[in-house]
Amino acid sequence: MQKPSESMATPFIAGIAVATVALAGRYGVQAWQAFKARPATPRIRKFYGGGFETTMTRREAALILGVRESATVEKVKVAHRKVMVANHPDAGGSHFLASKINEAKDIMLGKTKGSGSAF
């Protein structure tokens, strides 16, 4: 025959276990709903790997100027002026970068086929 304390302990422990599982499930469901309801974060775009290609392409020229490959002449000129002001050799910029910026403008405007850099 069992002692009275042993027969009462088993259902009590089972009840505590069921309550614990129920609470954990409740908090799990709440956490999942909060996770689904969070605001969408924009995906981070990969930046250009760097370096210049041997022959500048229209894609690379657009990346240098910060415009789309299908940009209008006016947008290319505005972007060229903006980038050139920031990198002009007279303002402490690099001669190499200035030549690449000018080459990018020429390619975007259709004046050269690329590889017109002095460097």
PDB file of N, CA and C in Angstrom:
ATOM      1  N   MET A   1       0.818  -1.178   0.000  1.00  0.00           N
ATOM      2  CA  MET A   1       0.000   0.000   0.000  1.00  0.00           C
ATOM      3  C   MET A   1       0.871   1.254   0.000  1.00  0.00           C
ATOM      4  N   GLN A   2       0.399   2.285  -0.745  1.00  0.00           N
ATOM      5  CA  GLN A   2       1.164   3.516  -0.848  1.00  0.00           C
ATOM      6  C   GLN A   2       0.850   4.433   0.312  1.00  0.00           C
ATOM      7  N   LYS A   3       1.827   5.268   0.572  1.00  0.00           N
ATOM      8  CA  LYS A   3       1.607   6.289   1.600  1.00  0.00           C
ATOM      9  C   LYS A   3       0.697   7.356   1.022  1.00  0.00           C
ATOM     10  N   PRO A   4      -0.112   7.985   1.833  1.00  0.00           N
ATOM     11  CA  PRO A   4      -1.034   9.016   1.335  1.00  0.00           C
ATOM     12  C   PRO A   4      -0.303  10.174   0.647  1.00  0.00           C
ATOM     13  N   SER A   5       0.885  10.543   1.063  1.00  0.00           N
ATOM     14  CA  SER A   5       1.610  11.668   0.457  1.00  0.00           C
ATOM     15  C   SER A   5       2.092  11.309  -0.942  1.00  0.00           C
ATOM     16  N   GLU A   6       2.442  10.057  -1.207  1.00  0.00           N
ATOM     17  CA  GLU A   6       2.912   9.650  -2.532  1.00  0.00           C
ATOM     18  C   GLU A   6       1.770   9.643  -3.548  1.00  0.00           C
ATOM     19  N   SER A   7       0.606   9.225  -3.164  1.00  0.00           N
ATOM     20  CA  SER A   7      -0.508   9.158  -4.102  1.00  0.00           C
ATOM     21  C   SER A   7      -1.016  10.552  -4.472  1.00  0.00           C
ATOM     22  N   MET A   8      -0.840  11.532  -3.628  1.00  0.00           N
ATOM     23  CA  MET A   8      -1.276  12.887  -3.909  1.00  0.00           C
ATOM     24  C   MET A   8      -0.220  13.662  -4.698  1.00  0.00           C
ATOM     25  N   ALA A   9       1.052  13.283  -4.610  1.00  0.00           N
ATOM     26  CA  ALA A   9       2.136  14.026  -5.259  1.00  0.00           C
ATOM     27  C   ALA A   9       2.121  13.831  -6.770  1.00  0.00           C
ATOM     28  N   THR A  10       1.828  12.682  -7.270  1.00  0.00           N
ATOM     29  CA  THR A  10       1.873  12.411  -8.705  1.00  0.00           C
ATOM     30  C   THR A  10       0.881  13.264  -9.491  1.00  0.00           C
ATOM     31  N   PRO A  11      -0.390  13.351  -9.144  1.00  0.00           N
ATOM     32  CA  PRO A  11      -1.297  14.230  -9.895  1.00  0.00           C
ATOM     33  C   PRO A  11      -0.918  15.708  -9.771  1.00  0.00           C
ATOM     34  N   PHE A  12      -0.375  16.107  -8.624  1.00  0.00           N
ATOM     35  CA  PHE A  12       0.031  17.496  -8.442  1.00  0.00           C
ATOM     36  C   PHE A  12       1.174  17.845  -9.388  1.00  0.00           C
ATOM     37  N   ILE A  13       2.158  16.984  -9.495  1.00  0.00           N
ATOM     38  CA  ILE A  13       3.300  17.212 -10.387  1.00  0.00           C
ATOM     39  C   ILE A  13       2.836  17.209 -11.842  1.00  0.00           C
ATOM     40  N   ALA A  14       1.927  16.315 -12.182  1.00  0.00           N
ATOM     41  CA  ALA A  14       1.390  16.281 -13.545  1.00  0.00           C
ATOM     42  C   ALA A  14       0.631  17.571 -13.846  1.00  0.00           C
ATOM     43  N   GLY A  15      -0.101  18.099 -12.897  1.00  0.00           N
ATOM     44  CA  GLY A  15      -0.839  19.343 -13.079  1.00  0.00           C
ATOM     45  C   GLY A  15       0.086  20.534 -13.286  1.00  0.00           C
ATOM     46  N   ILE A  16       1.158  20.577 -12.518  1.00  0.00           N
ATOM     47  CA  ILE A  16       2.157  21.644 -12.668  1.00  0.00           C
ATOM     48  C   ILE A  16       2.801  21.563 -14.057  1.00  0.00           C
ATOM     49  N   ALA A  17       3.102  20.350 -14.507  1.00  0.00           N
ATOM     50  CA  ALA A  17       3.718  20.169 -15.827  1.00  0.00           C
ATOM     51  C   ALA A  17       2.771  20.620 -16.934  1.00  0.00           C
ATOM     52  N   VAL A  18       1.505  20.287 -16.848  1.00  0.00           N
ATOM     53  CA  VAL A  18       0.522  20.687 -17.856  1.00  0.00           C
ATOM     54  C   VAL A  18       0.376  22.217 -17.862  1.00  0.00           C
ATOM     55  N   ALA A  19       0.327  22.837 -16.702  1.00  0.00           N
ATOM     56  CA  ALA A  19       0.205  24.292 -16.618  1.00  0.00           C
ATOM     57  C   ALA A  19       1.433  24.982 -17.219  1.00  0.00           C
ATOM     58  N   THR A  20       2.602  24.427 -16.959  1.00  0.00           N
ATOM     59  CA  THR A  20       3.834  25.000 -17.503  1.00  0.00           C
ATOM     60  C   THR A  20       3.850  24.915 -19.019  1.00  0.00           C
ATOM     61  N   VAL A  21       3.472  23.779 -19.575  1.00  0.00           N
ATOM     62  CA  VAL A  21       3.420  23.621 -21.027  1.00  0.00           C
ATOM     63  C   VAL A  21       2.396  24.568 -21.633  1.00  0.00           C
ATOM     64  N   ALA A  22       1.250  24.738 -20.972  1.00  0.00           N
ATOM     65  CA  ALA A  22       0.214  25.643 -21.481  1.00  0.00           C
ATOM     66  C   ALA A  22       0.701  27.088 -21.493  1.00  0.00           C
ATOM     67  N   LEU A  23       1.374  27.519 -20.439  1.00  0.00           N
ATOM     68  CA  LEU A  23       1.900  28.887 -20.394  1.00  0.00           C
ATOM     69  C   LEU A  23       2.997  29.101 -21.440  1.00  0.00           C
ATOM     70  N   ALA A  24       3.860  28.115 -21.576  1.00  0.00           N
ATOM     71  CA  ALA A  24       4.928  28.225 -22.577  1.00  0.00           C
ATOM     72  C   ALA A  24       4.336  28.306 -23.984  1.00  0.00           C
ATOM     73  N   GLY A  25       3.310  27.524 -24.246  1.00  0.00           N
ATOM     74  CA  GLY A  25       2.650  27.581 -25.548  1.00  0.00           C
ATOM     75  C   GLY A  25       1.984  28.925 -25.789  1.00  0.00           C
ATOM     76  N   ARG A  26       1.370  29.471 -24.758  1.00  0.00           N
ATOM     77  CA  ARG A  26       0.721  30.780 -24.877  1.00  0.00           C
ATOM     78  C   ARG A  26       1.728  31.866 -25.212  1.00  0.00           C
ATOM     79  N   TYR A  27       2.846  31.883 -24.492  1.00  0.00           N
ATOM     80  CA  TYR A  27       3.874  32.887 -24.762  1.00  0.00           C
ATOM     81  C   TYR A  27       4.537  32.655 -26.117  1.00  0.00           C
ATOM     82  N   GLY A  28       4.648  31.407 -26.514  1.00  0.00           N
ATOM     83  CA  GLY A  28       5.196  31.111 -27.844  1.00  0.00           C
ATOM     84  C   GLY A  28       4.304  31.645 -28.955  1.00  0.00           C
ATOM     85  N   VAL A  29       2.988  31.467 -28.812  1.00  0.00           N
ATOM     86  CA  VAL A  29       2.041  31.982 -29.807  1.00  0.00           C
ATOM     87  C   VAL A  29       2.087  33.505 -29.834  1.00  0.00           C
ATOM     88  N   GLN A  30       2.148  34.158 -28.676  1.00  0.00           N
ATOM     89  CA  GLN A  30       2.219  35.619 -28.623  1.00  0.00           C
ATOM     90  C   GLN A  30       3.505  36.127 -29.272  1.00  0.00           C
ATOM     91  N   ALA A  31       4.607  35.441 -29.016  1.00  0.00           N
ATOM     92  CA  ALA A  31       5.879  35.856 -29.614  1.00  0.00           C
ATOM     93  C   ALA A  31       5.839  35.693 -31.131  1.00  0.00           C
ATOM     94  N   TRP A  32       5.236  34.621 -31.614  1.00  0.00           N
ATOM     95  CA  TRP A  32       5.138  34.404 -33.062  1.00  0.00           C
ATOM     96  C   TRP A  32       4.271  35.474 -33.715  1.00  0.00           C
ATOM     97  N   GLN A  33       3.163  35.831 -33.087  1.00  0.00           N
ATOM     98  CA  GLN A  33       2.292  36.875 -33.629  1.00  0.00           C
ATOM     99  C   GLN A  33       2.999  38.228 -33.636  1.00  0.00           C
ATOM    100  N   ALA A  34       3.761  38.522 -32.604  1.00  0.00           N
ATOM    101  CA  ALA A  34       4.525  39.770 -32.566  1.00  0.00           C
ATOM    102  C   ALA A  34       5.607  39.767 -33.643  1.00  0.00           C
ATOM    103  N   PHE A  35       6.212  38.621 -33.887  1.00  0.00           N
ATOM    104  CA  PHE A  35       7.241  38.504 -34.916  1.00  0.00           C
ATOM    105  C   PHE A  35       6.652  38.741 -36.302  1.00  0.00           C
ATOM    106  N   LYS A  36       5.483  38.176 -36.556  1.00  0.00           N
ATOM    107  CA  LYS A  36       4.827  38.359 -37.853  1.00  0.00           C
ATOM    108  C   LYS A  36       4.327  39.785 -38.041  1.00  0.00           C
ATOM    109  N   ALA A  37       3.947  40.476 -36.965  1.00  0.00           N
ATOM    110  CA  ALA A  37       3.370  41.808 -37.057  1.00  0.00           C
ATOM    111  C   ALA A  37       4.418  42.916 -37.099  1.00  0.00           C
ATOM    112  N   ARG A  38       5.695  42.587 -36.935  1.00  0.00           N
ATOM    113  CA  ARG A  38       6.722  43.636 -36.925  1.00  0.00           C
ATOM    114  C   ARG A  38       6.805  44.298 -38.297  1.00  0.00           C
ATOM    115  N   PRO A  39       7.218  45.546 -38.357  1.00  0.00           N
ATOM    116  CA  PRO A  39       7.279  46.237 -39.645  1.00  0.00           C
ATOM    117  C   PRO A  39       8.355  45.627 -40.533  1.00  0.00           C
ATOM    118  N   ALA A  40       8.080  45.638 -41.807  1.00  0.00           N
ATOM    119  CA  ALA A  40       9.035  45.070 -42.751  1.00  0.00           C
ATOM    120  C   ALA A  40      10.260  45.963 -42.832  1.00  0.00           C
ATOM    121  N   THR A  41      11.420  45.359 -42.741  1.00  0.00           N
ATOM    122  CA  THR A  41      12.668  46.116 -42.867  1.00  0.00           C
ATOM    123  C   THR A  41      13.159  45.971 -44.295  1.00  0.00           C
ATOM    124  N   PRO A  42      13.636  47.054 -44.876  1.00  0.00           N
ATOM    125  CA  PRO A  42      14.115  46.948 -46.243  1.00  0.00           C
ATOM    126  C   PRO A  42      15.368  46.083 -46.308  1.00  0.00           C
ATOM    127  N   ARG A  43      15.437  45.316 -47.364  1.00  0.00           N
ATOM    128  CA  ARG A  43      16.622  44.482 -47.532  1.00  0.00           C
ATOM    129  C   ARG A  43      17.788  45.356 -47.944  1.00  0.00           C
ATOM    130  N   ILE A  44      18.917  45.054 -47.407  1.00  0.00           N
ATOM    131  CA  ILE A  44      20.109  45.848 -47.706  1.00  0.00           C
ATOM    132  C   ILE A  44      20.650  45.418 -49.062  1.00  0.00           C
ATOM    133  N   ARG A  45      20.789  46.414 -49.926  1.00  0.00           N
ATOM    134  CA  ARG A  45      21.339  46.111 -51.246  1.00  0.00           C
ATOM    135  C   ARG A  45      22.840  45.930 -51.138  1.00  0.00           C
ATOM    136  N   LYS A  46      23.363  45.064 -51.970  1.00  0.00           N
ATOM    137  CA  LYS A  46      24.795  44.886 -52.016  1.00  0.00           C
ATOM    138  C   LYS A  46      25.420  46.082 -52.715  1.00  0.00           C
ATOM    139  N   PHE A  47      26.473  46.574 -52.157  1.00  0.00           N
ATOM    140  CA  PHE A  47      27.178  47.673 -52.784  1.00  0.00           C
ATOM    141  C   PHE A  47      28.116  47.135 -53.850  1.00  0.00           C
ATOM    142  N   TYR A  48      28.509  48.023 -54.720  1.00  0.00           N
ATOM    143  CA  TYR A  48      29.438  47.657 -55.784  1.00  0.00           C
ATOM    144  C   TYR A  48      30.739  47.195 -55.161  1.00  0.00           C
ATOM    145  N   GLY A  49      31.288  46.116 -55.650  1.00  0.00           N
ATOM    146  CA  GLY A  49      32.480  45.499 -55.072  1.00  0.00           C
ATOM    147  C   GLY A  49      33.705  46.384 -55.071  1.00  0.00           C
ATOM    148  N   GLY A  50      33.784  47.333 -55.970  1.00  0.00           N
ATOM    149  CA  GLY A  50      34.917  48.247 -55.993  1.00  0.00           C
ATOM    150  C   GLY A  50      35.854  47.956 -57.141  1.00  0.00           C
ATOM    151  N   GLY A  51      36.747  48.873 -57.368  1.00  0.00           N
ATOM    152  CA  GLY A  51      37.697  48.735 -58.454  1.00  0.00           C
ATOM    153  C   GLY A  51      37.071  49.116 -59.783  1.00  0.00           C
ATOM    154  N   PHE A  52      37.901  49.434 -60.741  1.00  0.00           N
ATOM    155  CA  PHE A  52      37.421  49.796 -62.063  1.00  0.00           C
ATOM    156  C   PHE A  52      37.723  48.676 -63.039  1.00  0.00           C
ATOM    157  N   GLU A  53      36.828  48.489 -63.998  1.00  0.00           N
ATOM    158  CA  GLU A  53      37.051  47.503 -65.044  1.00  0.00           C
ATOM    159  C   GLU A  53      38.055  48.076 -66.040  1.00  0.00           C
ATOM    160  N   THR A  54      38.708  47.209 -66.815  1.00  0.00           N
ATOM    161  CA  THR A  54      39.708  47.697 -67.771  1.00  0.00           C
ATOM    162  C   THR A  54      39.065  48.567 -68.836  1.00  0.00           C
ATOM    163  N   THR A  55      37.905  48.165 -69.336  1.00  0.00           N
ATOM    164  CA  THR A  55      37.137  48.974 -70.270  1.00  0.00           C
ATOM    165  C   THR A  55      35.832  49.333 -69.585  1.00  0.00           C
ATOM    166  N   MET A  56      35.602  50.638 -69.406  1.00  0.00           N
ATOM    167  CA  MET A  56      34.409  51.069 -68.675  1.00  0.00           C
ATOM    168  C   MET A  56      33.151  50.734 -69.466  1.00  0.00           C
ATOM    169  N   THR A  57      32.213  50.118 -68.781  1.00  0.00           N
ATOM    170  CA  THR A  57      30.928  49.786 -69.390  1.00  0.00           C
ATOM    171  C   THR A  57      29.901  50.843 -69.008  1.00  0.00           C
ATOM    172  N   ARG A  58      28.763  50.780 -69.665  1.00  0.00           N
ATOM    173  CA  ARG A  58      27.684  51.718 -69.353  1.00  0.00           C
ATOM    174  C   ARG A  58      27.186  51.494 -67.927  1.00  0.00           C
ATOM    175  N   ARG A  59      27.171  50.254 -67.488  1.00  0.00           N
ATOM    176  CA  ARG A  59      26.751  49.941 -66.117  1.00  0.00           C
ATOM    177  C   ARG A  59      27.690  50.584 -65.104  1.00  0.00           C
ATOM    178  N   GLU A  60      28.995  50.443 -65.331  1.00  0.00           N
ATOM    179  CA  GLU A  60      29.970  51.029 -64.416  1.00  0.00           C
ATOM    180  C   GLU A  60      29.884  52.555 -64.435  1.00  0.00           C
ATOM    181  N   ALA A  61      29.665  53.129 -65.606  1.00  0.00           N
ATOM    182  CA  ALA A  61      29.531  54.581 -65.711  1.00  0.00           C
ATOM    183  C   ALA A  61      28.321  55.062 -64.924  1.00  0.00           C
ATOM    184  N   ALA A  62      27.225  54.327 -65.015  1.00  0.00           N
ATOM    185  CA  ALA A  62      26.023  54.692 -64.267  1.00  0.00           C
ATOM    186  C   ALA A  62      26.265  54.585 -62.762  1.00  0.00           C
ATOM    187  N   LEU A  63      27.008  53.575 -62.335  1.00  0.00           N
ATOM    188  CA  LEU A  63      27.325  53.430 -60.915  1.00  0.00           C
ATOM    189  C   LEU A  63      28.196  54.578 -60.426  1.00  0.00           C
ATOM    190  N   ILE A  64      29.140  54.998 -61.220  1.00  0.00           N
ATOM    191  CA  ILE A  64      30.030  56.093 -60.826  1.00  0.00           C
ATOM    192  C   ILE A  64      29.243  57.387 -60.653  1.00  0.00           C
ATOM    193  N   LEU A  65      28.345  57.655 -61.591  1.00  0.00           N
ATOM    194  CA  LEU A  65      27.577  58.894 -61.541  1.00  0.00           C
ATOM    195  C   LEU A  65      26.366  58.811 -60.616  1.00  0.00           C
ATOM    196  N   GLY A  66      25.972  57.611 -60.250  1.00  0.00           N
ATOM    197  CA  GLY A  66      24.827  57.449 -59.356  1.00  0.00           C
ATOM    198  C   GLY A  66      23.495  57.626 -60.052  1.00  0.00           C
ATOM    199  N   VAL A  67      23.422  57.249 -61.320  1.00  0.00           N
ATOM    200  CA  VAL A  67      22.175  57.337 -62.085  1.00  0.00           C
ATOM    201  C   VAL A  67      21.859  55.969 -62.670  1.00  0.00           C
ATOM    202  N   ARG A  68      20.677  55.841 -63.247  1.00  0.00           N
ATOM    203  CA  ARG A  68      20.313  54.603 -63.940  1.00  0.00           C
ATOM    204  C   ARG A  68      20.974  54.582 -65.311  1.00  0.00           C
ATOM    205  N   GLU A  69      21.103  53.401 -65.872  1.00  0.00           N
ATOM    206  CA  GLU A  69      21.696  53.284 -67.201  1.00  0.00           C
ATOM    207  C   GLU A  69      20.842  53.977 -68.261  1.00  0.00           C
ATOM    208  N   SER A  70      19.557  54.124 -68.000  1.00  0.00           N
ATOM    209  CA  SER A  70      18.648  54.745 -68.953  1.00  0.00           C
ATOM    210  C   SER A  70      18.370  56.209 -68.611  1.00  0.00           C
ATOM    211  N   ALA A  71      19.254  56.851 -67.871  1.00  0.00           N
ATOM    212  CA  ALA A  71      19.037  58.230 -67.432  1.00  0.00           C
ATOM    213  C   ALA A  71      19.057  59.191 -68.616  1.00  0.00           C
ATOM    214  N   THR A  72      18.332  60.285 -68.473  1.00  0.00           N
ATOM    215  CA  THR A  72      18.285  61.300 -69.528  1.00  0.00           C
ATOM    216  C   THR A  72      19.579  62.107 -69.528  1.00  0.00           C
ATOM    217  N   VAL A  73      19.788  62.846 -70.595  1.00  0.00           N
ATOM    218  CA  VAL A  73      21.000  63.666 -70.745  1.00  0.00           C
ATOM    219  C   VAL A  73      21.080  64.679 -69.606  1.00  0.00           C
ATOM    220  N   GLU A  74      19.960  65.289 -69.257  1.00  0.00           N
ATOM    221  CA  GLU A  74      19.947  66.296 -68.193  1.00  0.00           C
ATOM    222  C   GLU A  74      20.344  65.683 -66.851  1.00  0.00           C
ATOM    223  N   LYS A  75      19.805  64.496 -66.552  1.00  0.00           N
ATOM    224  CA  LYS A  75      20.136  63.841 -65.284  1.00  0.00           C
ATOM    225  C   LYS A  75      21.612  63.462 -65.229  1.00  0.00           C
ATOM    226  N   VAL A  76      22.153  63.031 -66.357  1.00  0.00           N
ATOM    227  CA  VAL A  76      23.579  62.672 -66.405  1.00  0.00           C
ATOM    228  C   VAL A  76      24.426  63.912 -66.151  1.00  0.00           C
ATOM    229  N   LYS A  77      24.069  65.031 -66.764  1.00  0.00           N
ATOM    230  CA  LYS A  77      24.846  66.254 -66.587  1.00  0.00           C
ATOM    231  C   LYS A  77      24.781  66.760 -65.153  1.00  0.00           C
ATOM    232  N   VAL A  78      23.590  66.692 -64.549  1.00  0.00           N
ATOM    233  CA  VAL A  78      23.443  67.133 -63.154  1.00  0.00           C
ATOM    234  C   VAL A  78      24.245  66.222 -62.229  1.00  0.00           C
ATOM    235  N   ALA A  79      24.168  64.926 -62.458  1.00  0.00           N
ATOM    236  CA  ALA A  79      24.906  63.970 -61.627  1.00  0.00           C
ATOM    237  C   ALA A  79      26.409  64.149 -61.806  1.00  0.00           C
ATOM    238  N   HIS A  80      26.847  64.402 -63.037  1.00  0.00           N
ATOM    239  CA  HIS A  80      28.279  64.612 -63.299  1.00  0.00           C
ATOM    240  C   HIS A  80      28.776  65.830 -62.541  1.00  0.00           C
ATOM    241  N   ARG A  81      28.012  66.920 -62.610  1.00  0.00           N
ATOM    242  CA  ARG A  81      28.423  68.145 -61.919  1.00  0.00           C
ATOM    243  C   ARG A  81      28.520  67.907 -60.410  1.00  0.00           C
ATOM    244  N   LYS A  82      27.544  67.211 -59.854  1.00  0.00           N
ATOM    245  CA  LYS A  82      27.508  66.945 -58.410  1.00  0.00           C
ATOM    246  C   LYS A  82      28.709  66.096 -57.971  1.00  0.00           C
ATOM    247  N   VAL A  83      28.989  65.035 -58.726  1.00  0.00           N
ATOM    248  CA  VAL A  83      30.098  64.145 -58.361  1.00  0.00           C
ATOM    249  C   VAL A  83      31.434  64.844 -58.607  1.00  0.00           C
ATOM    250  N   MET A  84      31.522  65.631 -59.668  1.00  0.00           N
ATOM    251  CA  MET A  84      32.779  66.302 -59.985  1.00  0.00           C
ATOM    252  C   MET A  84      33.103  67.387 -58.961  1.00  0.00           C
ATOM    253  N   VAL A  85      32.089  68.096 -58.469  1.00  0.00           N
ATOM    254  CA  VAL A  85      32.334  69.112 -57.440  1.00  0.00           C
ATOM    255  C   VAL A  85      32.931  68.463 -56.192  1.00  0.00           C
ATOM    256  N   ALA A  86      32.449  67.281 -55.856  1.00  0.00           N
ATOM    257  CA  ALA A  86      32.941  66.593 -54.661  1.00  0.00           C
ATOM    258  C   ALA A  86      34.334  66.006 -54.858  1.00  0.00           C
ATOM    259  N   ASN A  87      34.751  65.755 -56.109  1.00  0.00           N
ATOM    260  CA  ASN A  87      36.025  65.067 -56.352  1.00  0.00           C
ATOM    261  C   ASN A  87      36.977  65.850 -57.250  1.00  0.00           C
ATOM    262  N   HIS A  88      36.763  67.131 -57.426  1.00  0.00           N
ATOM    263  CA  HIS A  88      37.607  67.903 -58.344  1.00  0.00           C
ATOM    264  C   HIS A  88      39.019  68.048 -57.782  1.00  0.00           C
ATOM    265  N   PRO A  89      40.037  67.908 -58.637  1.00  0.00           N
ATOM    266  CA  PRO A  89      41.423  68.013 -58.169  1.00  0.00           C
ATOM    267  C   PRO A  89      41.752  69.373 -57.539  1.00  0.00           C
ATOM    268  N   ASP A  90      41.140  70.445 -58.006  1.00  0.00           N
ATOM    269  CA  ASP A  90      41.401  71.764 -57.429  1.00  0.00           C
ATOM    270  C   ASP A  90      40.853  71.897 -56.013  1.00  0.00           C
ATOM    271  N   ALA A  91      39.912  71.031 -55.654  1.00  0.00           N
ATOM    272  CA  ALA A  91      39.321  71.063 -54.314  1.00  0.00           C
ATOM    273  C   ALA A  91      39.847  69.925 -53.446  1.00  0.00           C
ATOM    274  N   GLY A  92      40.995  69.369 -53.815  1.00  0.00           N
ATOM    275  CA  GLY A  92      41.609  68.312 -53.021  1.00  0.00           C
ATOM    276  C   GLY A  92      41.249  66.914 -53.469  1.00  0.00           C
ATOM    277  N   GLY A  93      40.572  66.793 -54.598  1.00  0.00           N
ATOM    278  CA  GLY A  93      40.208  65.478 -55.111  1.00  0.00           C
ATOM    279  C   GLY A  93      41.347  64.842 -55.904  1.00  0.00           C
ATOM    280  N   SER A  94      41.079  63.695 -56.440  1.00  0.00           N
ATOM    281  CA  SER A  94      42.081  62.930 -57.170  1.00  0.00           C
ATOM    282  C   SER A  94      41.945  63.167 -58.671  1.00  0.00           C
ATOM    283  N   HIS A  95      43.111  63.296 -59.352  1.00  0.00           N
ATOM    284  CA  HIS A  95      43.103  63.421 -60.813  1.00  0.00           C
ATOM    285  C   HIS A  95      42.558  62.148 -61.452  1.00  0.00           C
ATOM    286  N   PHE A  96      42.886  61.012 -60.865  1.00  0.00           N
ATOM    287  CA  PHE A  96      42.422  59.727 -61.386  1.00  0.00           C
ATOM    288  C   PHE A  96      40.902  59.639 -61.321  1.00  0.00           C
ATOM    289  N   LEU A  97      40.337  59.980 -60.165  1.00  0.00           N
ATOM    290  CA  LEU A  97      38.877  59.919 -60.033  1.00  0.00           C
ATOM    291  C   LEU A  97      38.194  60.930 -60.954  1.00  0.00           C
ATOM    292  N   ALA A  98      38.777  62.099 -61.088  1.00  0.00           N
ATOM    293  CA  ALA A  98      38.187  63.100 -61.979  1.00  0.00           C
ATOM    294  C   ALA A  98      38.170  62.595 -63.417  1.00  0.00           C
ATOM    295  N   SER A  99      39.227  61.922 -63.841  1.00  0.00           N
ATOM    296  CA  SER A  99      39.241  61.393 -65.210  1.00  0.00           C
ATOM    297  C   SER A  99      38.222  60.271 -65.381  1.00  0.00           C
ATOM    298  N   LYS A 100      38.044  59.449 -64.357  1.00  0.00           N
ATOM    299  CA  LYS A 100      37.044  58.384 -64.425  1.00  0.00           C
ATOM    300  C   LYS A 100      35.630  58.957 -64.446  1.00  0.00           C
ATOM    301  N   ILE A 101      35.400  60.019 -63.699  1.00  0.00           N
ATOM    302  CA  ILE A 101      34.080  60.668 -63.686  1.00  0.00           C
ATOM    303  C   ILE A 101      33.782  61.255 -65.058  1.00  0.00           C
ATOM    304  N   ASN A 102      34.774  61.913 -65.650  1.00  0.00           N
ATOM    305  CA  ASN A 102      34.585  62.472 -66.996  1.00  0.00           C
ATOM    306  C   ASN A 102      34.361  61.371 -68.026  1.00  0.00           C
ATOM    307  N   GLU A 103      35.092  60.275 -67.898  1.00  0.00           N
ATOM    308  CA  GLU A 103      34.911  59.139 -68.805  1.00  0.00           C
ATOM    309  C   GLU A 103      33.504  58.565 -68.657  1.00  0.00           C
ATOM    310  N   ALA A 104      33.020  58.473 -67.419  1.00  0.00           N
ATOM    311  CA  ALA A 104      31.672  57.955 -67.176  1.00  0.00           C
ATOM    312  C   ALA A 104      30.631  58.855 -67.834  1.00  0.00           C
ATOM    313  N   LYS A 105      30.815  60.168 -67.726  1.00  0.00           N
ATOM    314  CA  LYS A 105      29.873  61.097 -68.372  1.00  0.00           C
ATOM    315  C   LYS A 105      29.897  60.910 -69.890  1.00  0.00           C
ATOM    316  N   ASP A 106      31.084  60.794 -70.458  1.00  0.00           N
ATOM    317  CA  ASP A 106      31.190  60.609 -71.906  1.00  0.00           C
ATOM    318  C   ASP A 106      30.501  59.333 -72.364  1.00  0.00           C
ATOM    319  N   ILE A 107      30.656  58.268 -71.602  1.00  0.00           N
ATOM    320  CA  ILE A 107      30.027  56.993 -71.971  1.00  0.00           C
ATOM    321  C   ILE A 107      28.509  57.103 -71.861  1.00  0.00           C
ATOM    322  N   MET A 108      28.022  57.735 -70.788  1.00  0.00           N
ATOM    323  CA  MET A 108      26.575  57.862 -70.613  1.00  0.00           C
ATOM    324  C   MET A 108      25.951  58.764 -71.680  1.00  0.00           C
ATOM    325  N   LEU A 109      26.715  59.726 -72.179  1.00  0.00           N
ATOM    326  CA  LEU A 109      26.203  60.607 -73.226  1.00  0.00           C
ATOM    327  C   LEU A 109      26.473  60.069 -74.618  1.00  0.00           C
ATOM    328  N   GLY A 110      27.174  58.932 -74.714  1.00  0.00           N
ATOM    329  CA  GLY A 110      27.426  58.287 -75.994  1.00  0.00           C
ATOM    330  C   GLY A 110      28.556  58.900 -76.786  1.00  0.00           C
ATOM    331  N   LYS A 111      29.451  59.629 -76.137  1.00  0.00           N
ATOM    332  CA  LYS A 111      30.552  60.288 -76.836  1.00  0.00           C
ATOM    333  C   LYS A 111      31.726  59.359 -77.093  1.00  0.00           C
ATOM    334  N   THR A 112      31.918  58.347 -76.229  1.00  0.00           N
ATOM    335  CA  THR A 112      33.023  57.392 -76.407  1.00  0.00           C
ATOM    336  C   THR A 112      32.495  55.991 -76.157  1.00  0.00           C
ATOM    337  N   LYS A 113      33.288  55.023 -76.544  1.00  0.00           N
ATOM    338  CA  LYS A 113      32.947  53.614 -76.317  1.00  0.00           C
ATOM    339  C   LYS A 113      33.541  53.107 -75.006  1.00  0.00           C
ATOM    340  N   GLY A 114      34.353  53.881 -74.340  1.00  0.00           N
ATOM    341  CA  GLY A 114      34.971  53.450 -73.098  1.00  0.00           C
ATOM    342  C   GLY A 114      36.467  53.377 -73.239  1.00  0.00           C
ATOM    343  N   SER A 115      37.139  53.197 -72.127  1.00  0.00           N
ATOM    344  CA  SER A 115      38.599  53.091 -72.058  1.00  0.00           C
ATOM    345  C   SER A 115      39.276  54.347 -72.580  1.00  0.00           C
ATOM    346  N   GLY A 116      38.658  55.507 -72.362  1.00  0.00           N
ATOM    347  CA  GLY A 116      39.255  56.755 -72.784  1.00  0.00           C
ATOM    348  C   GLY A 116      40.063  57.417 -71.693  1.00  0.00           C
ATOM    349  N   SER A 117      40.250  56.732 -70.584  1.00  0.00           N
ATOM    350  CA  SER A 117      40.961  57.308 -69.449  1.00  0.00           C
ATOM    351  C   SER A 117      42.434  57.428 -69.758  1.00  0.00           C
ATOM    352  N   ALA A 118      43.044  58.469 -69.217  1.00  0.00           N
ATOM    353  CA  ALA A 118      44.489  58.648 -69.375  1.00  0.00           C
ATOM    354  C   ALA A 118      45.256  57.725 -68.449  1.00  0.00           C
ATOM    355  N   PHE A 119      44.548  57.074 -67.516  1.00  0.00           N
ATOM    356  CA  PHE A 119      45.229  56.219 -66.546  1.00  0.00           C
ATOM    357  C   PHE A 119      45.070  54.789 -66.906  1.00  0.00           C
TER     358      PHE A 119
END
